[in-house]
């Protein structure tokens, strides 16, 4: 099939593009190469797909309504995987308009493209951040998520509501995926593993928030990509809930659903750092700091729904995943 991927130079989007091309699909990639983090890393990711005969590259901002509409009309994709977003909880505290432009305006343009061009299935990135102050663990897609504590989280929850509305009104299938702390080779430089590795190798201290009292469903990139593709291949065929059922993860009026996608094991931040230290052969200097605004102490994914729907099974341990990242980092940066 022909699949349009937004964020094709991004960490997850680029790996999804590679996997789809490997199995023979056509891929149309949109990315504006935002300078939010190192553009050279994004260009290096793109270099892995851009010369493939099945790949078409489009470099513009998906907030550009006319160009998005033209791209959809020209290529008529069967499926869309929306992975482009202004990411990051911390950045949303200082640059809120970045989140409105990409995560709300840009996402509306994608929804309109799906509506007018016969797209069969929209798979879109949500986030574990939507759980906000939820204290019940593990996080379940059947829980209410009405109290986000960052604009980033609020924009992702808005995406879920917007996609449901379009699925209800216009009948195309839409599936939201709440990602949980994705890491691995080619990962984002603004995330903990990348920041920690860079600092430790430079002999600089790392910032450890909430005095290390943090847990996360750290999820390896290959496990994420496998789940995304399985979901893409299995669109909901009609309403996903019974009449009158107001479950947040499904709909009794639309081919719509939401899944958690992540490791179903919560690992402490201090263990994560310990594994990194072991692989680098260096003990980190640590700045123990209080919790940051907008952050949460723990995330933990309950993935039974995704397991039952598509056979999703995360298999990569933190020990293996961190080792793979360190090997990639040393090779890519020559350190």
C-alpha atoms as a PDB file:
ATOM      1  CA  UNK A   1       0.000   0.000   0.000  1.00  0.00           C
ATOM      2  CA  UNK A   2       0.937   3.648  -0.142  1.00  0.00           C
ATOM      3  CA  UNK A   3       1.509   5.195   3.285  1.00  0.00           C
ATOM      4  CA  UNK A   4       1.998   8.856   4.121  1.00  0.00           C
ATOM      5  CA  UNK A   5       4.230   9.344   7.176  1.00  0.00           C
ATOM      6  CA  UNK A   6       4.513  12.699   8.904  1.00  0.00           C
ATOM      7  CA  UNK A   7       7.739  13.201  10.840  1.00  0.00           C
ATOM      8  CA  UNK A   8       9.694  11.036   8.401  1.00  0.00           C
ATOM      9  CA  UNK A   9      13.007  12.461   9.654  1.00  0.00           C
ATOM     10  CA  UNK A  10      11.995  11.839  13.250  1.00  0.00           C
ATOM     11  CA  UNK A  11      13.103   9.032  15.531  1.00  0.00           C
ATOM     12  CA  UNK A  12      10.008   6.828  15.211  1.00  0.00           C
ATOM     13  CA  UNK A  13       8.786   8.030  11.824  1.00  0.00           C
ATOM     14  CA  UNK A  14      12.051   7.244  10.085  1.00  0.00           C
ATOM     15  CA  UNK A  15      12.191   3.701  11.464  1.00  0.00           C
ATOM     16  CA  UNK A  16       8.568   3.087  10.452  1.00  0.00           C
ATOM     17  CA  UNK A  17       9.391   4.340   6.953  1.00  0.00           C
ATOM     18  CA  UNK A  18      12.352   1.967   6.719  1.00  0.00           C
ATOM     19  CA  UNK A  19      10.288  -1.036   7.766  1.00  0.00           C
ATOM     20  CA  UNK A  20       7.467  -0.259   5.344  1.00  0.00           C
ATOM     21  CA  UNK A  21       9.912   0.179   2.459  1.00  0.00           C
ATOM     22  CA  UNK A  22      11.638  -3.090   3.353  1.00  0.00           C
ATOM     23  CA  UNK A  23       8.382  -4.989   2.964  1.00  0.00           C
ATOM     24  CA  UNK A  24       7.540  -3.340  -0.359  1.00  0.00           C
ATOM     25  CA  UNK A  25       5.164  -0.511   0.514  1.00  0.00           C
ATOM     26  CA  UNK A  26       5.381   2.952  -1.009  1.00  0.00           C
ATOM     27  CA  UNK A  27       6.111   5.743   1.474  1.00  0.00           C
ATOM     28  CA  UNK A  28       5.500   9.475   1.157  1.00  0.00           C
ATOM     29  CA  UNK A  29       7.335  11.316   3.932  1.00  0.00           C
ATOM     30  CA  UNK A  30       6.619  14.804   5.273  1.00  0.00           C
ATOM     31  CA  UNK A  31       9.105  16.600   7.509  1.00  0.00           C
ATOM     32  CA  UNK A  32      10.071  20.250   7.926  1.00  0.00           C
ATOM     33  CA  UNK A  33      13.409  19.427   9.615  1.00  0.00           C
ATOM     34  CA  UNK A  34      12.540  21.629  12.580  1.00  0.00           C
ATOM     35  CA  UNK A  35      15.616  22.958  14.442  1.00  0.00           C
ATOM     36  CA  UNK A  36      14.098  21.894  17.790  1.00  0.00           C
ATOM     37  CA  UNK A  37      17.033  19.496  17.908  1.00  0.00           C
ATOM     38  CA  UNK A  38      20.090  18.705  15.722  1.00  0.00           C
ATOM     39  CA  UNK A  39      19.050  18.890  12.068  1.00  0.00           C
ATOM     40  CA  UNK A  40      22.159  16.932  11.049  1.00  0.00           C
ATOM     41  CA  UNK A  41      20.833  13.920  12.953  1.00  0.00           C
ATOM     42  CA  UNK A  42      17.523  14.227  11.114  1.00  0.00           C
ATOM     43  CA  UNK A  43      19.322  14.464   7.775  1.00  0.00           C
ATOM     44  CA  UNK A  44      21.352  11.356   8.654  1.00  0.00           C
ATOM     45  CA  UNK A  45      18.146   9.465   9.378  1.00  0.00           C
ATOM     46  CA  UNK A  46      16.638  10.606   6.083  1.00  0.00           C
ATOM     47  CA  UNK A  47      19.752   9.466   4.201  1.00  0.00           C
ATOM     48  CA  UNK A  48      18.710   5.895   5.016  1.00  0.00           C
ATOM     49  CA  UNK A  49      15.466   6.161   3.017  1.00  0.00           C
ATOM     50  CA  UNK A  50      15.641   9.108   0.657  1.00  0.00           C
ATOM     51  CA  UNK A  51      17.220   7.232  -2.277  1.00  0.00           C
ATOM     52  CA  UNK A  52      14.895   4.247  -2.025  1.00  0.00           C
ATOM     53  CA  UNK A  53      12.786   3.940  -5.209  1.00  0.00           C
ATOM     54  CA  UNK A  54       9.623   3.563  -3.137  1.00  0.00           C
ATOM     55  CA  UNK A  55      10.174   6.740  -1.128  1.00  0.00           C
ATOM     56  CA  UNK A  56       8.933  10.256  -1.908  1.00  0.00           C
ATOM     57  CA  UNK A  57      10.154  13.134   0.245  1.00  0.00           C
ATOM     58  CA  UNK A  58       8.165  16.313   0.978  1.00  0.00           C
ATOM     59  CA  UNK A  59       9.937  18.971   3.045  1.00  0.00           C
ATOM     60  CA  UNK A  60       7.481  21.448   4.453  1.00  0.00           C
ATOM     61  CA  UNK A  61       5.548  22.221   7.596  1.00  0.00           C
ATOM     62  CA  UNK A  62       2.303  20.311   7.953  1.00  0.00           C
ATOM     63  CA  UNK A  63       0.746  23.497   9.339  1.00  0.00           C
ATOM     64  CA  UNK A  64       0.816  24.685   5.698  1.00  0.00           C
ATOM     65  CA  UNK A  65      -2.788  23.939   4.780  1.00  0.00           C
ATOM     66  CA  UNK A  66      -2.497  24.320   1.013  1.00  0.00           C
ATOM     67  CA  UNK A  67       0.637  22.209   0.642  1.00  0.00           C
ATOM     68  CA  UNK A  68      -0.771  19.408   2.795  1.00  0.00           C
ATOM     69  CA  UNK A  69      -3.986  19.400   0.759  1.00  0.00           C
ATOM     70  CA  UNK A  70      -2.022  19.302  -2.501  1.00  0.00           C
ATOM     71  CA  UNK A  71       0.163  16.417  -1.288  1.00  0.00           C
ATOM     72  CA  UNK A  72      -2.859  14.326  -0.285  1.00  0.00           C
ATOM     73  CA  UNK A  73      -4.606  15.036  -3.575  1.00  0.00           C
ATOM     74  CA  UNK A  74      -1.511  14.102  -5.584  1.00  0.00           C
ATOM     75  CA  UNK A  75      -0.615  10.861  -3.794  1.00  0.00           C
ATOM     76  CA  UNK A  76      -3.963   9.552  -2.476  1.00  0.00           C
ATOM     77  CA  UNK A  77      -2.403   7.446   0.306  1.00  0.00           C
ATOM     78  CA  UNK A  78      -4.155   4.317   1.563  1.00  0.00           C
ATOM     79  CA  UNK A  79      -2.917   4.888   5.099  1.00  0.00           C
ATOM     80  CA  UNK A  80      -1.468   7.757   7.125  1.00  0.00           C
ATOM     81  CA  UNK A  81       0.869   7.487  10.103  1.00  0.00           C
ATOM     82  CA  UNK A  82       1.010  10.855  11.854  1.00  0.00           C
ATOM     83  CA  UNK A  83       4.190  10.970  13.936  1.00  0.00           C
ATOM     84  CA  UNK A  84       5.124  14.620  13.431  1.00  0.00           C
ATOM     85  CA  UNK A  85       4.641  16.748  16.524  1.00  0.00           C
ATOM     86  CA  UNK A  86       6.238  19.411  18.589  1.00  0.00           C
ATOM     87  CA  UNK A  87       7.462  17.112  21.317  1.00  0.00           C
ATOM     88  CA  UNK A  88       8.693  17.656  24.839  1.00  0.00           C
ATOM     89  CA  UNK A  89       7.027  18.620  28.091  1.00  0.00           C
ATOM     90  CA  UNK A  90       9.678  21.160  29.119  1.00  0.00           C
ATOM     91  CA  UNK A  91       9.683  23.061  25.840  1.00  0.00           C
ATOM     92  CA  UNK A  92       5.910  23.530  26.091  1.00  0.00           C
ATOM     93  CA  UNK A  93       6.426  25.713  29.154  1.00  0.00           C
ATOM     94  CA  UNK A  94       8.412  28.279  27.175  1.00  0.00           C
ATOM     95  CA  UNK A  95       7.147  27.977  23.578  1.00  0.00           C
ATOM     96  CA  UNK A  96       3.422  27.110  23.688  1.00  0.00           C
ATOM     97  CA  UNK A  97       2.664  28.376  20.182  1.00  0.00           C
ATOM     98  CA  UNK A  98       4.944  25.698  18.700  1.00  0.00           C
ATOM     99  CA  UNK A  99       2.506  23.095  20.039  1.00  0.00           C
ATOM    100  CA  UNK A 100      -0.559  24.865  18.696  1.00  0.00           C
ATOM    101  CA  UNK A 101       0.964  25.255  15.216  1.00  0.00           C
ATOM    102  CA  UNK A 102       2.067  21.643  14.765  1.00  0.00           C
ATOM    103  CA  UNK A 103      -0.008  19.522  17.124  1.00  0.00           C
ATOM    104  CA  UNK A 104      -3.340  21.277  16.568  1.00  0.00           C
ATOM    105  CA  UNK A 105      -3.258  23.218  13.286  1.00  0.00           C
ATOM    106  CA  UNK A 106      -1.043  20.672  11.557  1.00  0.00           C
ATOM    107  CA  UNK A 107      -3.102  17.752  12.810  1.00  0.00           C
ATOM    108  CA  UNK A 108      -6.291  19.385  11.557  1.00  0.00           C
ATOM    109  CA  UNK A 109      -4.707  19.597   8.105  1.00  0.00           C
ATOM    110  CA  UNK A 110      -3.920  15.874   8.245  1.00  0.00           C
ATOM    111  CA  UNK A 111      -7.487  15.066   9.273  1.00  0.00           C
ATOM    112  CA  UNK A 112      -8.816  17.132   6.379  1.00  0.00           C
ATOM    113  CA  UNK A 113      -6.483  15.316   3.998  1.00  0.00           C
ATOM    114  CA  UNK A 114      -7.810  11.968   5.215  1.00  0.00           C
ATOM    115  CA  UNK A 115     -11.397  13.175   4.913  1.00  0.00           C
ATOM    116  CA  UNK A 116     -11.159  14.358   1.313  1.00  0.00           C
ATOM    117  CA  UNK A 117      -8.912  11.687  -0.205  1.00  0.00           C
ATOM    118  CA  UNK A 118     -10.295   8.290   0.710  1.00  0.00           C
ATOM    119  CA  UNK A 119      -7.721   7.382   3.358  1.00  0.00           C
ATOM    120  CA  UNK A 120      -8.611   4.013   4.842  1.00  0.00           C
ATOM    121  CA  UNK A 121      -6.742   4.270   8.148  1.00  0.00           C
ATOM    122  CA  UNK A 122      -5.147   7.082  10.146  1.00  0.00           C
ATOM    123  CA  UNK A 123      -2.722   5.979  12.857  1.00  0.00           C
ATOM    124  CA  UNK A 124      -1.614   8.910  15.000  1.00  0.00           C
ATOM    125  CA  UNK A 125       0.774   9.483  17.871  1.00  0.00           C
ATOM    126  CA  UNK A 126      -0.650  10.323  21.238  1.00  0.00           C
ATOM    127  CA  UNK A 127       1.386  10.153  24.440  1.00  0.00           C
ATOM    128  CA  UNK A 128       1.526   8.674  27.919  1.00  0.00           C
ATOM    129  CA  UNK A 129       1.581  12.324  29.041  1.00  0.00           C
ATOM    130  CA  UNK A 130      -2.212  12.434  28.640  1.00  0.00           C
ATOM    131  CA  UNK A 131      -2.507  10.492  31.919  1.00  0.00           C
ATOM    132  CA  UNK A 132      -1.375  13.598  33.783  1.00  0.00           C
ATOM    133  CA  UNK A 133      -1.935  13.243  37.492  1.00  0.00           C
ATOM    134  CA  UNK A 134      -3.462   9.757  37.291  1.00  0.00           C
ATOM    135  CA  UNK A 135      -2.128   7.761  40.229  1.00  0.00           C
ATOM    136  CA  UNK A 136      -3.633   4.355  39.428  1.00  0.00           C
ATOM    137  CA  UNK A 137      -0.949   2.057  38.026  1.00  0.00           C
ATOM    138  CA  UNK A 138      -0.506   0.693  35.466  1.00  0.00           C
ATOM    139  CA  UNK A 139      -2.088   3.323  33.203  1.00  0.00           C
ATOM    140  CA  UNK A 140      -5.096   1.940  31.368  1.00  0.00           C
ATOM    141  CA  UNK A 141      -6.673   3.329  28.204  1.00  0.00           C
ATOM    142  CA  UNK A 142     -10.007   2.799  29.925  1.00  0.00           C
ATOM    143  CA  UNK A 143      -9.164   5.401  32.578  1.00  0.00           C
ATOM    144  CA  UNK A 144     -10.344   8.996  32.240  1.00  0.00           C
ATOM    145  CA  UNK A 145      -7.619  11.397  31.103  1.00  0.00           C
ATOM    146  CA  UNK A 146      -9.141  14.802  31.739  1.00  0.00           C
ATOM    147  CA  UNK A 147      -6.364  16.414  33.781  1.00  0.00           C
ATOM    148  CA  UNK A 148      -3.208  16.931  31.674  1.00  0.00           C
ATOM    149  CA  UNK A 149      -0.461  18.960  33.370  1.00  0.00           C
ATOM    150  CA  UNK A 150       1.416  20.300  30.330  1.00  0.00           C
ATOM    151  CA  UNK A 151       0.338  21.907  27.080  1.00  0.00           C
ATOM    152  CA  UNK A 152       2.081  19.084  25.221  1.00  0.00           C
ATOM    153  CA  UNK A 153      -0.132  16.551  27.004  1.00  0.00           C
ATOM    154  CA  UNK A 154      -3.231  18.664  26.411  1.00  0.00           C
ATOM    155  CA  UNK A 155      -2.451  18.878  22.683  1.00  0.00           C
ATOM    156  CA  UNK A 156      -2.122  15.102  22.471  1.00  0.00           C
ATOM    157  CA  UNK A 157      -5.411  14.557  24.252  1.00  0.00           C
ATOM    158  CA  UNK A 158      -6.948  17.071  21.859  1.00  0.00           C
ATOM    159  CA  UNK A 159      -5.650  14.976  18.941  1.00  0.00           C
ATOM    160  CA  UNK A 160      -7.545  11.963  20.280  1.00  0.00           C
ATOM    161  CA  UNK A 161     -10.778  13.938  20.518  1.00  0.00           C
ATOM    162  CA  UNK A 162     -10.314  15.509  17.094  1.00  0.00           C
ATOM    163  CA  UNK A 163      -9.620  12.150  15.445  1.00  0.00           C
ATOM    164  CA  UNK A 164     -12.713  10.632  17.024  1.00  0.00           C
ATOM    165  CA  UNK A 165     -14.816  13.498  15.725  1.00  0.00           C
ATOM    166  CA  UNK A 166     -13.563  13.011  12.162  1.00  0.00           C
ATOM    167  CA  UNK A 167     -13.946   9.224  12.333  1.00  0.00           C
ATOM    168  CA  UNK A 168     -17.521   9.727  13.530  1.00  0.00           C
ATOM    169  CA  UNK A 169     -18.449  12.359  10.953  1.00  0.00           C
ATOM    170  CA  UNK A 170     -16.619  11.034   7.897  1.00  0.00           C
ATOM    171  CA  UNK A 171     -16.254   7.310   8.502  1.00  0.00           C
ATOM    172  CA  UNK A 172     -12.524   6.688   8.058  1.00  0.00           C
ATOM    173  CA  UNK A 173     -10.765   4.487  10.608  1.00  0.00           C
ATOM    174  CA  UNK A 174      -8.558   6.222  13.179  1.00  0.00           C
ATOM    175  CA  UNK A 175      -6.302   4.686  15.827  1.00  0.00           C
ATOM    176  CA  UNK A 176      -4.392   6.656  18.470  1.00  0.00           C
ATOM    177  CA  UNK A 177      -1.246   5.268  20.091  1.00  0.00           C
ATOM    178  CA  UNK A 178      -0.111   6.523  23.479  1.00  0.00           C
ATOM    179  CA  UNK A 179       3.676   6.162  23.347  1.00  0.00           C
ATOM    180  CA  UNK A 180       5.677   5.483  26.507  1.00  0.00           C
ATOM    181  CA  UNK A 181       9.298   6.774  26.706  1.00  0.00           C
ATOM    182  CA  UNK A 182      10.747   5.454  23.459  1.00  0.00           C
ATOM    183  CA  UNK A 183      14.544   5.033  23.334  1.00  0.00           C
ATOM    184  CA  UNK A 184      17.204   3.355  21.229  1.00  0.00           C
ATOM    185  CA  UNK A 185      19.657   3.995  18.360  1.00  0.00           C
ATOM    186  CA  UNK A 186      18.961   7.194  16.404  1.00  0.00           C
ATOM    187  CA  UNK A 187      16.955   8.510  19.379  1.00  0.00           C
ATOM    188  CA  UNK A 188      16.071  12.093  20.224  1.00  0.00           C
ATOM    189  CA  UNK A 189      18.850  14.272  21.707  1.00  0.00           C
ATOM    190  CA  UNK A 190      16.416  15.968  24.106  1.00  0.00           C
ATOM    191  CA  UNK A 191      15.556  12.737  25.907  1.00  0.00           C
ATOM    192  CA  UNK A 192      17.218  11.383  29.031  1.00  0.00           C
ATOM    193  CA  UNK A 193      19.319   8.561  27.593  1.00  0.00           C
ATOM    194  CA  UNK A 194      20.893  10.802  24.955  1.00  0.00           C
ATOM    195  CA  UNK A 195      21.457  13.675  27.409  1.00  0.00           C
ATOM    196  CA  UNK A 196      22.938  11.356  30.027  1.00  0.00           C
ATOM    197  CA  UNK A 197      25.272   9.635  27.571  1.00  0.00           C
ATOM    198  CA  UNK A 198      26.574  12.910  26.153  1.00  0.00           C
ATOM    199  CA  UNK A 199      27.182  14.374  29.610  1.00  0.00           C
ATOM    200  CA  UNK A 200      28.837  11.290  31.101  1.00  0.00           C
ATOM    201  CA  UNK A 201      31.251  10.940  28.182  1.00  0.00           C
ATOM    202  CA  UNK A 202      32.123  14.642  28.541  1.00  0.00           C
ATOM    203  CA  UNK A 203      32.776  14.233  32.257  1.00  0.00           C
ATOM    204  CA  UNK A 204      29.834  16.478  33.110  1.00  0.00           C
ATOM    205  CA  UNK A 205      27.156  15.827  35.759  1.00  0.00           C
ATOM    206  CA  UNK A 206      23.692  14.610  34.804  1.00  0.00           C
ATOM    207  CA  UNK A 207      20.489  16.168  36.160  1.00  0.00           C
ATOM    208  CA  UNK A 208      18.398  13.585  38.020  1.00  0.00           C
ATOM    209  CA  UNK A 209      14.965  14.974  38.793  1.00  0.00           C
ATOM    210  CA  UNK A 210      12.695  14.146  41.719  1.00  0.00           C
ATOM    211  CA  UNK A 211      15.896  12.991  43.432  1.00  0.00           C
ATOM    212  CA  UNK A 212      15.821   9.844  41.304  1.00  0.00           C
ATOM    213  CA  UNK A 213      12.405   8.737  42.527  1.00  0.00           C
ATOM    214  CA  UNK A 214      11.093   8.163  38.993  1.00  0.00           C
ATOM    215  CA  UNK A 215       9.825   5.141  37.070  1.00  0.00           C
ATOM    216  CA  UNK A 216       9.122   4.799  33.367  1.00  0.00           C
ATOM    217  CA  UNK A 217       7.919   2.232  30.851  1.00  0.00           C
ATOM    218  CA  UNK A 218      11.123   2.571  28.839  1.00  0.00           C
ATOM    219  CA  UNK A 219      10.300   1.113  25.410  1.00  0.00           C
ATOM    220  CA  UNK A 220      12.822   0.099  22.759  1.00  0.00           C
ATOM    221  CA  UNK A 221      12.348   1.547  19.283  1.00  0.00           C
ATOM    222  CA  UNK A 222      12.035  -1.799  17.460  1.00  0.00           C
ATOM    223  CA  UNK A 223       9.210  -2.882  19.768  1.00  0.00           C
ATOM    224  CA  UNK A 224       7.415   0.394  19.069  1.00  0.00           C
ATOM    225  CA  UNK A 225       7.810   0.137  15.297  1.00  0.00           C
ATOM    226  CA  UNK A 226       6.526  -3.427  15.237  1.00  0.00           C
ATOM    227  CA  UNK A 227       3.432  -2.303  17.128  1.00  0.00           C
ATOM    228  CA  UNK A 228       2.816   0.707  14.874  1.00  0.00           C
ATOM    229  CA  UNK A 229       2.916  -1.416  11.731  1.00  0.00           C
ATOM    230  CA  UNK A 230       0.658  -4.096  13.175  1.00  0.00           C
ATOM    231  CA  UNK A 231      -1.858  -1.433  14.103  1.00  0.00           C
ATOM    232  CA  UNK A 232      -1.642   0.177  10.655  1.00  0.00           C
ATOM    233  CA  UNK A 233      -2.412  -3.196   9.072  1.00  0.00           C
ATOM    234  CA  UNK A 234      -5.471  -3.754  11.262  1.00  0.00           C
ATOM    235  CA  UNK A 235      -7.865  -0.787  11.035  1.00  0.00           C
ATOM    236  CA  UNK A 236     -11.101  -0.933  13.020  1.00  0.00           C
ATOM    237  CA  UNK A 237     -13.879  -2.021  10.662  1.00  0.00           C
ATOM    238  CA  UNK A 238     -16.732  -0.237  12.392  1.00  0.00           C
ATOM    239  CA  UNK A 239     -17.798   1.028  15.813  1.00  0.00           C
ATOM    240  CA  UNK A 240     -15.485  -0.410  18.448  1.00  0.00           C
ATOM    241  CA  UNK A 241     -17.845  -0.305  21.420  1.00  0.00           C
ATOM    242  CA  UNK A 242     -21.441  -1.254  22.192  1.00  0.00           C
ATOM    243  CA  UNK A 243     -24.267   1.272  21.993  1.00  0.00           C
ATOM    244  CA  UNK A 244     -24.176   3.569  25.013  1.00  0.00           C
ATOM    245  CA  UNK A 245     -20.672   2.542  26.063  1.00  0.00           C
ATOM    246  CA  UNK A 246     -18.600   5.668  26.766  1.00  0.00           C
ATOM    247  CA  UNK A 247     -15.258   3.917  27.191  1.00  0.00           C
ATOM    248  CA  UNK A 248     -12.502   6.474  26.376  1.00  0.00           C
ATOM    249  CA  UNK A 249     -10.545   3.886  24.357  1.00  0.00           C
ATOM    250  CA  UNK A 250     -13.266   3.098  21.816  1.00  0.00           C
ATOM    251  CA  UNK A 251     -16.438   4.426  20.210  1.00  0.00           C
ATOM    252  CA  UNK A 252     -19.969   3.167  19.678  1.00  0.00           C
ATOM    253  CA  UNK A 253     -20.418   5.532  16.712  1.00  0.00           C
ATOM    254  CA  UNK A 254     -17.091   5.400  14.849  1.00  0.00           C
ATOM    255  CA  UNK A 255     -14.239   3.141  13.660  1.00  0.00           C
ATOM    256  CA  UNK A 256     -11.988   4.603  16.335  1.00  0.00           C
ATOM    257  CA  UNK A 257      -9.797   3.289  19.133  1.00  0.00           C
ATOM    258  CA  UNK A 258      -6.889   4.229  21.382  1.00  0.00           C
ATOM    259  CA  UNK A 259      -4.106   1.945  22.613  1.00  0.00           C
ATOM    260  CA  UNK A 260      -1.171   2.210  24.979  1.00  0.00           C
ATOM    261  CA  UNK A 261       2.041   1.202  23.223  1.00  0.00           C
ATOM    262  CA  UNK A 262       5.026   0.633  25.446  1.00  0.00           C
ATOM    263  CA  UNK A 263       6.796  -1.755  27.739  1.00  0.00           C
ATOM    264  CA  UNK A 264       4.495  -3.270  30.342  1.00  0.00           C
ATOM    265  CA  UNK A 265       7.325  -3.172  32.892  1.00  0.00           C
ATOM    266  CA  UNK A 266       8.116   0.016  34.822  1.00  0.00           C
ATOM    267  CA  UNK A 267      11.856   0.484  35.427  1.00  0.00           C
ATOM    268  CA  UNK A 268      13.289   2.907  37.963  1.00  0.00           C
ATOM    269  CA  UNK A 269      15.287   5.853  36.636  1.00  0.00           C
ATOM    270  CA  UNK A 270      18.199   4.923  38.875  1.00  0.00           C
ATOM    271  CA  UNK A 271      18.328   1.409  37.367  1.00  0.00           C
ATOM    272  CA  UNK A 272      18.244   2.964  33.887  1.00  0.00           C
ATOM    273  CA  UNK A 273      21.214   5.145  34.806  1.00  0.00           C
ATOM    274  CA  UNK A 274      23.000   2.168  36.364  1.00  0.00           C
ATOM    275  CA  UNK A 275      22.691   0.172  33.128  1.00  0.00           C
ATOM    276  CA  UNK A 276      24.027   3.136  31.171  1.00  0.00           C
ATOM    277  CA  UNK A 277      26.994   3.472  33.543  1.00  0.00           C
ATOM    278  CA  UNK A 278      27.764  -0.227  33.114  1.00  0.00           C
ATOM    279  CA  UNK A 279      27.794   0.078  29.324  1.00  0.00           C
ATOM    280  CA  UNK A 280      29.893   3.244  29.290  1.00  0.00           C
ATOM    281  CA  UNK A 281      32.250   1.981  31.970  1.00  0.00           C
ATOM    282  CA  UNK A 282      31.936   5.329  33.754  1.00  0.00           C
ATOM    283  CA  UNK A 283      30.104   6.280  36.946  1.00  0.00           C
ATOM    284  CA  UNK A 284      27.938   9.363  36.407  1.00  0.00           C
ATOM    285  CA  UNK A 285      28.232  12.505  38.492  1.00  0.00           C
ATOM    286  CA  UNK A 286      24.681  13.261  39.566  1.00  0.00           C
ATOM    287  CA  UNK A 287      22.856  16.502  40.324  1.00  0.00           C
ATOM    288  CA  UNK A 288      19.891  15.371  42.420  1.00  0.00           C
ATOM    289  CA  UNK A 289      17.108  17.879  41.747  1.00  0.00           C
ATOM    290  CA  UNK A 290      13.408  18.337  42.609  1.00  0.00           C
ATOM    291  CA  UNK A 291      10.582  17.468  40.212  1.00  0.00           C
ATOM    292  CA  UNK A 292      10.193  19.696  37.166  1.00  0.00           C
ATOM    293  CA  UNK A 293       6.917  21.482  36.407  1.00  0.00           C
ATOM    294  CA  UNK A 294       4.736  19.432  34.070  1.00  0.00           C
ATOM    295  CA  UNK A 295       6.546  16.152  34.791  1.00  0.00           C
ATOM    296  CA  UNK A 296       5.230  13.068  36.589  1.00  0.00           C
ATOM    297  CA  UNK A 297       6.935  10.646  38.946  1.00  0.00           C
ATOM    298  CA  UNK A 298       5.915   7.457  37.164  1.00  0.00           C
ATOM    299  CA  UNK A 299       4.483   6.009  33.981  1.00  0.00           C
ATOM    300  CA  UNK A 300       3.577   2.359  33.502  1.00  0.00           C
ATOM    301  CA  UNK A 301       1.788   0.992  30.431  1.00  0.00           C
ATOM    302  CA  UNK A 302      -0.981  -1.580  30.562  1.00  0.00           C
ATOM    303  CA  UNK A 303      -0.940  -3.031  27.027  1.00  0.00           C
ATOM    304  CA  UNK A 304      -3.393  -5.932  27.187  1.00  0.00           C
ATOM    305  CA  UNK A 305      -5.753  -4.292  24.679  1.00  0.00           C
ATOM    306  CA  UNK A 306      -2.988  -3.916  22.093  1.00  0.00           C
ATOM    307  CA  UNK A 307      -1.756  -7.432  22.801  1.00  0.00           C
ATOM    308  CA  UNK A 308      -5.222  -8.850  22.201  1.00  0.00           C
ATOM    309  CA  UNK A 309      -5.889  -6.724  19.108  1.00  0.00           C
ATOM    310  CA  UNK A 310      -2.666  -7.246  17.128  1.00  0.00           C
ATOM    311  CA  UNK A 311      -0.447  -9.606  19.124  1.00  0.00           C
ATOM    312  CA  UNK A 312       1.820  -6.800  20.341  1.00  0.00           C
ATOM    313  CA  UNK A 313       4.589  -8.085  22.609  1.00  0.00           C
ATOM    314  CA  UNK A 314       7.513  -5.845  23.669  1.00  0.00           C
ATOM    315  CA  UNK A 315      10.551  -8.101  24.004  1.00  0.00           C
ATOM    316  CA  UNK A 316      13.636  -5.887  24.387  1.00  0.00           C
ATOM    317  CA  UNK A 317      15.025  -5.505  27.902  1.00  0.00           C
ATOM    318  CA  UNK A 318      16.477  -2.233  29.153  1.00  0.00           C
ATOM    319  CA  UNK A 319      19.831  -3.993  29.431  1.00  0.00           C
ATOM    320  CA  UNK A 320      19.824  -4.934  25.726  1.00  0.00           C
ATOM    321  CA  UNK A 321      18.273  -1.676  24.557  1.00  0.00           C
ATOM    322  CA  UNK A 322      20.693   0.623  26.379  1.00  0.00           C
ATOM    323  CA  UNK A 323      23.652  -1.436  25.155  1.00  0.00           C
ATOM    324  CA  UNK A 324      22.430  -1.074  21.560  1.00  0.00           C
ATOM    325  CA  UNK A 325      22.044   2.681  22.018  1.00  0.00           C
ATOM    326  CA  UNK A 326      25.530   3.116  23.484  1.00  0.00           C
ATOM    327  CA  UNK A 327      27.071   1.119  20.621  1.00  0.00           C
ATOM    328  CA  UNK A 328      25.220   3.284  18.087  1.00  0.00           C
ATOM    329  CA  UNK A 329      26.122   6.536  19.874  1.00  0.00           C
ATOM    330  CA  UNK A 330      29.841   5.702  20.026  1.00  0.00           C
ATOM    331  CA  UNK A 331      29.863   4.742  16.363  1.00  0.00           C
ATOM    332  CA  UNK A 332      27.794   7.694  15.120  1.00  0.00           C
ATOM    333  CA  UNK A 333      29.709  10.341  17.085  1.00  0.00           C
ATOM    334  CA  UNK A 334      33.091   8.615  17.059  1.00  0.00           C
ATOM    335  CA  UNK A 335      33.558   8.653  20.835  1.00  0.00           C
END
